[in-house]
Amino acid sequence: MAKNKVRLIITVICLIGIGLLAWSIHSTLAKQDYNALGNAKV
């Protein structure tokens, strides 16, 4: 029973980490797109 709780906690932490990483990558790419659009208009 304790092993299952530990696995669940590790899984949740990993999923949160993957989600934060994906959000960070998406945010960075969106900033680059906005910068490219701004540079194209100049």
Protein backbone atom coordinates (compact mmCIF):
# COMPACT_ATOMS: atom_id res chain seq x y z
CA MET A 1 0.00 0.00 0.00
CA ALA A 2 2.80 2.43 0.85
CA LYS A 3 4.54 1.64 -2.44
CA ASN A 4 1.42 2.68 -4.35
CA LYS A 5 1.29 6.02 -2.52
CA VAL A 6 4.93 6.70 -3.28
CA ARG A 7 4.43 5.83 -6.95
CA LEU A 8 1.38 8.07 -7.11
CA ILE A 9 3.25 10.99 -5.56
CA ILE A 10 6.20 10.53 -7.91
CA THR A 11 3.85 10.31 -10.91
CA VAL A 12 2.03 13.49 -9.91
CA ILE A 13 5.31 15.36 -9.40
CA CYS A 14 6.58 14.18 -12.80
CA LEU A 15 3.36 15.22 -14.53
CA ILE A 16 3.49 18.65 -12.92
CA GLY A 17 7.13 19.01 -13.99
CA ILE A 18 6.33 18.01 -17.56
CA GLY A 19 3.42 20.44 -17.61
CA LEU A 20 5.59 23.30 -16.38
CA LEU A 21 8.26 22.47 -18.93
CA ALA A 22 5.72 22.42 -21.76
CA TRP A 23 4.24 25.72 -20.60
CA SER A 24 7.69 27.30 -20.47
CA ILE A 25 8.56 26.12 -23.97
CA HIS A 26 5.23 27.35 -25.32
CA SER A 27 5.68 30.73 -23.65
CA THR A 28 9.18 31.11 -25.08
CA LEU A 29 8.05 30.21 -28.59
CA ALA A 30 5.12 32.64 -28.37
CA LYS A 31 7.50 35.46 -27.37
CA GLN A 32 9.76 34.65 -30.31
CA ASP A 33 6.76 34.73 -32.67
CA TYR A 34 5.67 38.14 -31.38
CA ASN A 35 9.20 39.47 -31.72
CA ALA A 36 9.40 38.17 -35.30
CA LEU A 37 6.10 39.87 -36.15
CA GLY A 38 7.32 43.14 -34.68
CA ASN A 39 10.59 42.96 -36.56
CA ALA A 40 8.78 42.20 -39.82
CA LYS A 41 6.67 45.37 -39.50
CA VAL A 42 9.72 47.61 -39.02
